[in-house]
Amino acid sequence: MFCSNAGFSPVFCSDEDKPGKVESREMSEEPGDLSGLRRWGIVSAAFLSCFTCFGVGYSFGSFFDSMSEEFNSGKGLTALMFSLTTCFYFLGGLITGRLADRFGPRRVVFVGAISMGVGLYLTSLVQAIWVGFITYGVGVGTATACGYVPMVATVGGWFNKRRTLALGIAVSGIGAGTLVCAPLAASLIDRFGWRTTYVVFAVGGMAALLIASVGAVTPPLVGDGGVVQLRTLVRDRRFITLYSASLITTMALFVPFVFIKTYATDRGVPSARAAALIGLIGASSIVGRLGLGALGSKVGPIRLMQAAFGVMASSYAIWLAADGRYGVLVLFAVILGVGYGGFIALSPAAVAVMFGTNGMATILGATYTGAGIGGLIGPPLAGAIIDSSGFNAGITYALITAGVSTVVLYTLPVARVAQT
């Protein structure tokens, strides 16, 4: 636990609170004076925001072939559009998190809605791939930065006793959005083309985020209101370990979101079934988010997140062995989705356990900058490897990278199982 001094820099109240320990924060009462119904309404708004932001972003694999063919760009260059988006929304989370802590999440999510609509509409008009880097990368990336970190932190701030369950439900919107939007995009592209599809997503995405912003209610401060400072955070061993593991694992995590459809179609799988693999990753992640999120209240988010990293790493070995067999690709998508869902659901809960919920949006945003860097590096690097050496080499890269991230996370010091 952090005790605030006059400058709101944290002071460790006991030896158990020093870096290297994980504090137990089990609380019997929920913060603030909202009714239970309104609290779960906030969770619903966060679910909708996650559904929209990541459903749009993770459907990029459905657009990949059409855009690469029209612009005559290689896999690595086309993948850079998705990587820039990932980088913007994770790195931007540090800024939007601080803005949400200062001005409230509602205004930030509103800005995200406008960015989503404008960015996707302008992307539908681009005549060169590099322009798409700006319109899609900045537009969708900014929208997701505004719609994800502030909303997840808001949910975390309104719950104590059932925090991991509430967060699991909220971020399961990511999986649901991927499940719905990737196949929907593929169907619309086949019928109307990728440009018209982006216009449809622009209107729908902006409307959904505007609705979600209504449920973004600023959470109360707890305790004495002290907030951990970033300068202290970056010297904390726990933060450094979590940050490093997140950076490394996302260098592998986003590779299938960009390339699994192309991999499958190159091996004779029909386009619709290939796109369904992306949706299946999202659907399976819901199991990980809800199942591991609920279990986190009993076992503790740190240990479960370590297990989730191991599951993700093992899934790439299955992809490597698939050799284009659709049933094995389905198995890969399911296992990756469960591990990925656990990672996303448990990260905010782990941050809350280690550093508290005051200023959680800022802390969570800082943590996600590592994922932004990993997301920027991973898909283009994998694309370059695939272009030069083939898909098996690219998958091997993802397997090794995910394995290293698992080893790193297992060095996170856990003194005892944390309850949330």
Protein backbone atom coordinates (compact mmCIF):
# COMPACT_ATOMS: atom_id res chain seq x y z
CA MET A 1 0.00 0.00 0.00
CA PHE A 2 1.24 3.52 -0.77
CA CYS A 3 0.84 6.28 1.80
CA SER A 4 0.75 9.77 0.33
CA ASN A 5 3.10 12.50 1.49
CA ALA A 6 2.69 16.18 0.83
CA GLY A 7 3.85 15.82 -2.76
CA PHE A 8 1.71 12.74 -3.40
CA SER A 9 4.81 10.62 -3.90
CA PRO A 10 4.21 7.17 -2.44
CA VAL A 11 5.80 6.13 0.83
CA PHE A 12 5.90 2.45 1.70
CA CYS A 13 4.00 1.90 4.93
CA SER A 14 5.57 -1.47 5.80
CA ASP A 15 8.14 -3.96 4.55
CA GLU A 16 5.42 -5.91 2.76
CA ASP A 17 4.66 -2.87 0.61
CA LYS A 18 8.19 -2.44 -0.73
CA PRO A 19 9.04 -3.42 -4.30
CA GLY A 20 9.27 -7.15 -4.61
CA LYS A 21 6.11 -7.79 -2.60
CA VAL A 22 2.55 -8.02 -3.78
CA GLU A 23 -0.01 -6.70 -1.36
CA SER A 24 -3.31 -8.40 -0.60
CA ARG A 25 -6.10 -5.91 -1.17
CA GLU A 26 -9.24 -7.82 -0.37
CA MET A 27 -12.03 -5.42 0.56
CA SER A 28 -15.56 -6.17 1.58
CA GLU A 29 -17.16 -2.94 0.42
CA GLU A 30 -17.30 -1.30 -2.97
CA PRO A 31 -16.08 2.33 -3.25
CA GLY A 32 -18.37 5.28 -3.88
CA ASP A 33 -22.12 5.62 -3.53
CA LEU A 34 -23.42 4.25 -6.83
CA SER A 35 -26.01 1.49 -6.79
CA GLY A 36 -25.03 -1.97 -7.93
CA LEU A 37 -27.09 -1.54 -11.09
CA ARG A 38 -25.24 1.62 -12.08
CA ARG A 39 -21.87 -0.02 -11.42
CA TRP A 40 -22.72 -2.83 -13.80
CA GLY A 41 -23.97 -0.21 -16.26
CA ILE A 42 -20.43 1.19 -16.25
CA VAL A 43 -19.14 -2.31 -16.96
CA SER A 44 -21.57 -2.53 -19.90
CA ALA A 45 -20.32 0.78 -21.28
CA ALA A 46 -16.73 -0.44 -21.01
CA PHE A 47 -17.71 -3.67 -22.78
CA LEU A 48 -19.22 -1.66 -25.65
CA SER A 49 -16.14 0.54 -25.88
CA CYS A 50 -13.79 -2.46 -25.99
CA PHE A 51 -16.07 -4.23 -28.49
CA THR A 52 -15.95 -1.25 -30.84
CA CYS A 53 -12.30 -0.24 -30.59
CA PHE A 54 -10.76 -3.68 -30.83
CA GLY A 55 -13.42 -5.13 -33.10
CA VAL A 56 -12.49 -2.50 -35.67
CA GLY A 57 -8.74 -2.77 -35.04
CA TYR A 58 -8.50 -6.55 -35.01
CA SER A 59 -10.58 -6.87 -38.18
CA PHE A 60 -7.61 -5.45 -40.10
CA GLY A 61 -6.61 -8.97 -41.14
CA SER A 62 -9.82 -9.11 -43.19
CA PHE A 63 -8.76 -5.96 -45.07
CA PHE A 64 -5.12 -7.04 -45.44
CA ASP A 65 -5.18 -8.87 -48.77
CA SER A 66 -7.44 -6.34 -50.53
CA MET A 67 -5.33 -3.36 -49.46
CA SER A 68 -2.01 -5.09 -50.13
CA GLU A 69 -3.16 -6.02 -53.63
CA GLU A 70 -4.57 -2.59 -54.49
CA PHE A 71 -1.50 -0.70 -53.27
CA ASN A 72 0.95 -3.36 -54.48
CA SER A 73 2.65 -3.35 -51.08
CA GLY A 74 4.45 -6.27 -49.45
CA LYS A 75 3.30 -8.03 -46.31
CA GLY A 76 5.72 -6.17 -44.06
CA LEU A 77 4.73 -2.72 -45.34
CA THR A 78 0.99 -3.42 -45.22
CA ALA A 79 1.32 -4.85 -41.71
CA LEU A 80 2.92 -1.59 -40.64
CA MET A 81 -0.51 0.06 -40.85
CA PHE A 82 -1.81 -2.27 -38.14
CA SER A 83 1.40 -1.92 -36.12
CA LEU A 84 1.17 1.87 -36.12
CA THR A 85 -2.40 1.57 -34.90
CA THR A 86 -1.33 -0.76 -32.11
CA CYS A 87 1.53 1.55 -31.19
CA PHE A 88 -0.72 4.59 -31.08
CA TYR A 89 -3.37 3.06 -28.86
CA PHE A 90 -0.95 1.54 -26.39
CA LEU A 91 1.51 4.44 -26.24
CA GLY A 92 -1.37 6.89 -26.36
CA GLY A 93 -2.89 5.18 -23.34
CA LEU A 94 -0.35 6.94 -21.14
CA ILE A 95 -1.65 10.31 -22.35
CA THR A 96 -5.35 9.41 -22.35
CA GLY A 97 -4.97 7.79 -18.94
CA ARG A 98 -3.57 10.99 -17.46
CA LEU A 99 -6.28 13.03 -19.20
CA ALA A 100 -8.98 10.73 -17.82
CA ASP A 101 -7.57 11.04 -14.29
CA ARG A 102 -7.56 14.82 -14.65
CA PHE A 103 -10.70 15.61 -16.67
CA GLY A 104 -12.77 12.44 -16.30
CA PRO A 105 -13.17 9.52 -18.72
CA ARG A 106 -16.34 10.75 -20.44
CA ARG A 107 -14.67 13.59 -22.31
CA VAL A 108 -11.79 11.37 -23.36
CA VAL A 109 -14.06 8.65 -24.76
CA PHE A 110 -16.05 11.32 -26.63
CA VAL A 111 -12.85 12.44 -28.36
CA GLY A 112 -12.20 8.80 -29.23
CA ALA A 113 -15.59 8.53 -30.92
CA ILE A 114 -14.84 11.47 -33.20
CA SER A 115 -11.38 10.10 -33.98
CA MET A 116 -12.83 6.71 -34.89
CA GLY A 117 -15.38 8.15 -37.32
CA VAL A 118 -13.04 10.61 -39.01
CA GLY A 119 -10.09 8.21 -39.19
CA LEU A 120 -12.01 5.36 -40.80
CA TYR A 121 -13.83 7.62 -43.25
CA LEU A 122 -10.56 9.18 -44.40
CA THR A 123 -9.01 5.72 -44.71
CA SER A 124 -11.77 4.80 -47.17
CA LEU A 125 -10.51 7.61 -49.43
CA VAL A 126 -6.74 6.98 -49.40
CA GLN A 127 -4.91 6.46 -52.69
CA ALA A 128 -1.53 5.46 -51.23
CA ILE A 129 -0.62 3.08 -48.42
CA TRP A 130 1.46 5.66 -46.57
CA VAL A 131 -1.60 7.93 -46.24
CA GLY A 132 -3.39 5.02 -44.57
CA PHE A 133 -0.60 4.93 -42.00
CA ILE A 134 -1.80 8.37 -40.90
CA THR A 135 -5.57 8.09 -41.29
CA TYR A 136 -5.94 4.56 -39.95
CA GLY A 137 -2.94 4.44 -37.65
CA VAL A 138 -3.60 7.77 -35.97
CA GLY A 139 -7.40 7.71 -36.25
CA VAL A 140 -8.15 4.22 -34.98
CA GLY A 141 -5.11 4.23 -32.71
CA THR A 142 -6.20 7.43 -30.98
CA ALA A 143 -9.79 6.20 -30.72
CA THR A 144 -8.69 2.99 -29.02
CA ALA A 145 -6.36 4.84 -26.67
CA CYS A 146 -9.31 7.02 -25.66
CA GLY A 147 -11.79 4.17 -25.41
CA TYR A 148 -9.78 1.44 -23.71
CA VAL A 149 -7.50 2.59 -20.87
CA PRO A 150 -9.90 5.22 -19.43
CA MET A 151 -12.87 2.83 -19.48
CA VAL A 152 -10.99 -0.15 -18.00
CA ALA A 153 -9.52 2.04 -15.28
CA THR A 154 -13.00 3.40 -14.56
CA VAL A 155 -14.32 -0.13 -14.00
CA GLY A 156 -11.37 -0.95 -11.77
CA GLY A 157 -12.01 2.16 -9.70
CA TRP A 158 -15.68 1.32 -9.04
CA PHE A 159 -15.08 -2.23 -7.80
CA ASN A 160 -13.05 -3.83 -5.02
CA LYS A 161 -14.65 -7.11 -4.04
CA ARG A 162 -15.54 -8.23 -7.56
CA ARG A 163 -12.94 -6.26 -9.47
CA THR A 164 -11.42 -9.10 -11.50
CA LEU A 165 -14.87 -10.35 -12.51
CA ALA A 166 -16.00 -6.85 -13.53
CA LEU A 167 -12.79 -6.26 -15.48
CA GLY A 168 -13.10 -9.67 -17.11
CA ILE A 169 -16.60 -8.85 -18.33
CA ALA A 170 -15.54 -5.40 -19.55
CA VAL A 171 -12.55 -6.57 -21.57
CA SER A 172 -14.45 -9.57 -22.95
CA GLY A 173 -15.83 -6.92 -25.29
CA ILE A 174 -12.48 -7.19 -27.08
CA GLY A 175 -13.08 -10.84 -27.85
CA ALA A 176 -16.72 -10.30 -28.76
CA GLY A 177 -15.78 -7.44 -31.06
CA THR A 178 -13.16 -9.54 -32.80
CA LEU A 179 -15.61 -12.43 -33.15
CA VAL A 180 -18.22 -10.22 -34.80
CA CYS A 181 -16.25 -7.59 -36.71
CA ALA A 182 -13.61 -9.70 -38.48
CA PRO A 183 -16.10 -12.00 -40.26
CA LEU A 184 -18.48 -9.07 -40.80
CA ALA A 185 -15.70 -7.09 -42.45
CA ALA A 186 -14.78 -10.04 -44.67
CA SER A 187 -18.41 -10.44 -45.76
CA LEU A 188 -18.86 -6.72 -46.47
CA ILE A 189 -15.57 -6.55 -48.37
CA ASP A 190 -16.57 -9.46 -50.60
CA ARG A 191 -19.85 -7.72 -51.39
CA PHE A 192 -19.06 -3.98 -51.40
CA GLY A 193 -15.27 -3.61 -51.33
CA TRP A 194 -12.93 -2.52 -48.56
CA ARG A 195 -13.53 1.22 -49.00
CA THR A 196 -17.30 1.04 -48.47
CA THR A 197 -16.74 -1.32 -45.55
CA TYR A 198 -14.59 1.28 -43.82
CA VAL A 199 -17.37 3.85 -44.25
CA VAL A 200 -19.82 1.45 -42.58
CA PHE A 201 -17.37 0.87 -39.73
CA ALA A 202 -16.81 4.64 -39.41
CA VAL A 203 -20.49 5.36 -38.80
CA GLY A 204 -21.11 2.37 -36.56
CA GLY A 205 -17.90 2.80 -34.58
CA MET A 206 -18.45 6.47 -33.86
CA ALA A 207 -22.06 5.89 -32.78
CA ALA A 208 -21.10 3.04 -30.45
CA LEU A 209 -18.36 5.04 -28.73
CA LEU A 210 -20.68 8.01 -28.26
CA ILE A 211 -23.12 5.71 -26.47
CA ALA A 212 -20.30 4.21 -24.37
CA SER A 213 -19.13 7.66 -23.27
CA VAL A 214 -22.43 8.19 -21.44
CA GLY A 215 -21.52 5.39 -19.04
CA ALA A 216 -18.03 6.70 -18.30
CA VAL A 217 -18.52 7.89 -14.70
CA THR A 218 -15.42 9.12 -12.85
CA PRO A 219 -14.59 6.71 -9.99
CA PRO A 220 -14.00 7.96 -6.43
CA LEU A 221 -10.58 8.21 -4.80
CA VAL A 222 -9.98 5.67 -2.04
CA GLY A 223 -8.03 5.95 1.20
CA ASP A 224 -6.19 9.24 1.55
CA GLY A 225 -6.23 9.86 -2.20
CA GLY A 226 -2.48 9.31 -2.64
CA VAL A 227 -1.40 8.41 -6.17
CA VAL A 228 1.78 6.57 -7.13
CA GLN A 229 4.04 8.80 -9.23
CA LEU A 230 5.49 7.71 -12.57
CA ARG A 231 9.03 8.49 -11.46
CA THR A 232 8.60 6.00 -8.62
CA LEU A 233 6.81 3.50 -10.83
CA VAL A 234 9.64 3.19 -13.36
CA ARG A 235 12.07 2.23 -10.58
CA ASP A 236 9.82 -0.49 -9.18
CA ARG A 237 11.03 -4.00 -10.01
CA ARG A 238 7.48 -5.30 -10.35
CA PHE A 239 6.60 -2.64 -12.90
CA ILE A 240 9.80 -3.20 -14.87
CA THR A 241 9.14 -6.95 -15.04
CA LEU A 242 5.48 -6.57 -16.05
CA TYR A 243 6.40 -3.91 -18.60
CA SER A 244 9.17 -6.00 -20.17
CA ALA A 245 7.03 -9.14 -20.37
CA SER A 246 4.16 -7.20 -21.99
CA LEU A 247 6.50 -5.65 -24.56
CA ILE A 248 8.03 -8.97 -25.55
CA THR A 249 4.79 -10.98 -25.68
CA THR A 250 3.03 -8.43 -27.89
CA MET A 251 5.86 -8.77 -30.41
CA ALA A 252 4.34 -12.22 -30.99
CA LEU A 253 0.70 -11.71 -30.00
CA PHE A 254 -0.37 -9.50 -32.90
CA VAL A 255 1.30 -11.62 -35.60
CA PRO A 256 -1.70 -13.97 -36.10
CA PHE A 257 -4.17 -11.08 -36.10
CA VAL A 258 -2.41 -9.77 -39.20
CA PHE A 259 -1.25 -12.94 -40.93
CA ILE A 260 -3.43 -15.92 -39.99
CA LYS A 261 -5.99 -15.22 -42.73
CA THR A 262 -3.31 -14.87 -45.40
CA TYR A 263 -1.52 -17.98 -44.11
CA ALA A 264 -4.73 -19.99 -44.34
CA THR A 265 -5.85 -18.74 -47.77
CA ASP A 266 -2.37 -19.39 -49.20
CA ARG A 267 -2.94 -23.02 -48.21
CA GLY A 268 -6.32 -23.33 -49.89
CA VAL A 269 -8.67 -22.38 -47.05
CA PRO A 270 -11.66 -20.35 -48.33
CA SER A 271 -11.52 -16.66 -47.45
CA ALA A 272 -14.56 -16.70 -45.14
CA ARG A 273 -13.25 -19.69 -43.15
CA ALA A 274 -9.81 -18.11 -42.95
CA ALA A 275 -11.25 -14.84 -41.61
CA ALA A 276 -13.26 -16.85 -39.10
CA LEU A 277 -9.99 -17.87 -37.44
CA ILE A 278 -9.48 -14.27 -36.32
CA GLY A 279 -12.99 -14.24 -34.92
CA LEU A 280 -12.32 -17.55 -33.20
CA ILE A 281 -9.32 -16.07 -31.39
CA GLY A 282 -11.65 -13.35 -30.16
CA ALA A 283 -14.38 -15.79 -29.15
CA SER A 284 -11.95 -17.99 -27.24
CA SER A 285 -10.49 -14.97 -25.52
CA ILE A 286 -13.90 -14.38 -23.94
CA VAL A 287 -13.48 -17.70 -22.13
CA GLY A 288 -10.08 -16.57 -20.91
CA ARG A 289 -11.29 -13.14 -19.85
CA LEU A 290 -14.37 -14.35 -17.98
CA GLY A 291 -13.04 -17.67 -16.69
CA LEU A 292 -9.61 -16.51 -15.59
CA GLY A 293 -11.03 -13.16 -14.50
CA ALA A 294 -13.46 -14.85 -12.13
CA LEU A 295 -10.79 -17.29 -10.94
CA GLY A 296 -8.45 -14.39 -10.26
CA SER A 297 -10.59 -13.42 -7.27
CA LYS A 298 -9.61 -16.72 -5.64
CA VAL A 299 -6.14 -17.53 -6.96
CA GLY A 300 -4.76 -14.05 -7.58
CA PRO A 301 -4.15 -12.25 -10.90
CA ILE A 302 -0.36 -12.48 -10.93
CA ARG A 303 -0.08 -16.26 -10.89
CA LEU A 304 -2.91 -16.66 -13.38
CA MET A 305 -1.33 -14.15 -15.75
CA GLN A 306 1.91 -16.13 -15.64
CA ALA A 307 -0.06 -19.22 -16.62
CA ALA A 308 -1.77 -17.28 -19.43
CA PHE A 309 1.62 -16.33 -20.88
CA GLY A 310 2.60 -19.99 -20.91
CA VAL A 311 -0.60 -20.90 -22.73
CA MET A 312 0.02 -18.25 -25.39
CA ALA A 313 3.59 -19.45 -25.96
CA SER A 314 2.51 -23.07 -26.34
CA SER A 315 -0.13 -22.15 -28.92
CA TYR A 316 2.48 -21.04 -31.47
CA ALA A 317 3.98 -24.53 -31.45
CA ILE A 318 0.56 -25.77 -32.58
CA TRP A 319 0.45 -23.19 -35.38
CA LEU A 320 3.91 -24.24 -36.50
CA ALA A 321 2.78 -27.87 -36.68
CA ALA A 322 -0.51 -27.08 -38.46
CA ASP A 323 0.88 -27.20 -42.02
CA GLY A 324 -2.33 -25.61 -43.28
CA ARG A 325 -4.70 -28.15 -41.70
CA TYR A 326 -7.81 -26.20 -40.77
CA GLY A 327 -8.69 -28.28 -37.71
CA VAL A 328 -5.24 -27.67 -36.22
CA LEU A 329 -5.52 -23.95 -37.01
CA VAL A 330 -8.82 -23.91 -35.13
CA LEU A 331 -7.08 -25.53 -32.14
CA PHE A 332 -4.33 -22.91 -32.33
CA ALA A 333 -6.85 -20.07 -32.42
CA VAL A 334 -8.76 -21.44 -29.43
CA ILE A 335 -5.68 -21.95 -27.25
CA LEU A 336 -4.14 -18.61 -28.18
CA GLY A 337 -7.45 -16.89 -27.52
CA VAL A 338 -7.80 -18.33 -24.02
CA GLY A 339 -4.28 -17.28 -23.04
CA TYR A 340 -4.59 -13.88 -24.69
CA GLY A 341 -7.92 -13.26 -22.99
CA GLY A 342 -6.41 -14.07 -19.61
CA PHE A 343 -3.50 -11.71 -20.25
CA ILE A 344 -5.78 -8.80 -21.13
CA ALA A 345 -8.27 -9.42 -18.32
CA LEU A 346 -5.69 -9.91 -15.60
CA SER A 347 -3.30 -7.06 -16.45
CA PRO A 348 -5.53 -4.29 -15.00
CA ALA A 349 -6.29 -6.43 -11.94
CA ALA A 350 -2.57 -7.05 -11.40
CA VAL A 351 -1.85 -3.33 -11.66
CA ALA A 352 -4.60 -2.57 -9.13
CA VAL A 353 -3.22 -5.17 -6.72
CA MET A 354 0.33 -3.87 -6.94
CA PHE A 355 -0.26 -0.12 -7.10
CA GLY A 356 -3.84 0.61 -6.03
CA THR A 357 -6.70 2.18 -7.99
CA ASN A 358 -6.02 5.87 -7.40
CA GLY A 359 -4.61 7.20 -10.67
CA MET A 360 -5.12 3.75 -12.18
CA ALA A 361 -5.66 5.10 -15.70
CA THR A 362 -2.22 6.73 -15.67
CA ILE A 363 -0.51 3.62 -14.27
CA LEU A 364 -2.31 1.31 -16.69
CA GLY A 365 -1.47 3.63 -19.57
CA ALA A 366 2.20 3.56 -18.60
CA THR A 367 2.13 -0.24 -18.47
CA TYR A 368 0.59 -0.49 -21.92
CA THR A 369 3.30 1.60 -23.57
CA GLY A 370 5.39 -1.58 -23.54
CA ALA A 371 2.68 -3.38 -25.48
CA GLY A 372 2.63 -0.46 -27.91
CA ILE A 373 6.32 -0.84 -28.65
CA GLY A 374 5.94 -4.60 -29.02
CA GLY A 375 2.97 -4.18 -31.33
CA LEU A 376 4.90 -1.71 -33.46
CA ILE A 377 7.88 -4.03 -33.88
CA GLY A 378 6.23 -7.46 -34.08
CA PRO A 379 4.01 -7.65 -37.19
CA PRO A 380 6.35 -5.77 -39.59
CA LEU A 381 9.30 -7.85 -38.38
CA ALA A 382 7.28 -11.04 -38.82
CA GLY A 383 6.15 -9.82 -42.24
CA ALA A 384 9.74 -9.19 -43.31
CA ILE A 385 10.74 -12.66 -42.10
CA ILE A 386 7.80 -14.22 -43.96
CA ASP A 387 8.64 -12.33 -47.17
CA SER A 388 12.26 -13.52 -47.04
CA SER A 389 12.04 -16.99 -45.49
CA GLY A 390 8.41 -18.13 -45.51
CA PHE A 391 5.62 -18.53 -42.99
CA ASN A 392 7.28 -21.22 -40.88
CA ALA A 393 10.16 -18.88 -40.11
CA GLY A 394 7.72 -16.13 -39.10
CA ILE A 395 5.80 -18.50 -36.83
CA THR A 396 9.06 -19.72 -35.27
CA TYR A 397 9.93 -16.10 -34.50
CA ALA A 398 6.58 -15.71 -32.71
CA LEU A 399 7.08 -18.96 -30.77
CA ILE A 400 10.53 -18.00 -29.50
CA THR A 401 9.44 -14.47 -28.62
CA ALA A 402 6.39 -15.64 -26.67
CA GLY A 403 8.53 -18.18 -24.82
CA VAL A 404 11.00 -15.51 -23.73
CA SER A 405 8.17 -13.29 -22.45
CA THR A 406 6.85 -16.17 -20.34
CA VAL A 407 10.24 -16.68 -18.70
CA VAL A 408 10.48 -12.95 -17.97
CA LEU A 409 7.03 -12.79 -16.35
CA TYR A 410 7.81 -15.76 -14.12
CA THR A 411 10.54 -13.65 -12.50
CA LEU A 412 7.85 -11.27 -11.18
CA PRO A 413 8.20 -11.39 -7.37
CA VAL A 414 5.03 -12.70 -5.78
CA ALA A 415 5.29 -12.89 -1.99
CA ARG A 416 1.84 -14.39 -1.60
CA VAL A 417 -1.31 -14.92 -3.64
CA ALA A 418 -3.03 -11.56 -4.11
CA GLN A 419 -6.78 -11.35 -3.70
CA THR A 420 -8.88 -8.79 -5.53
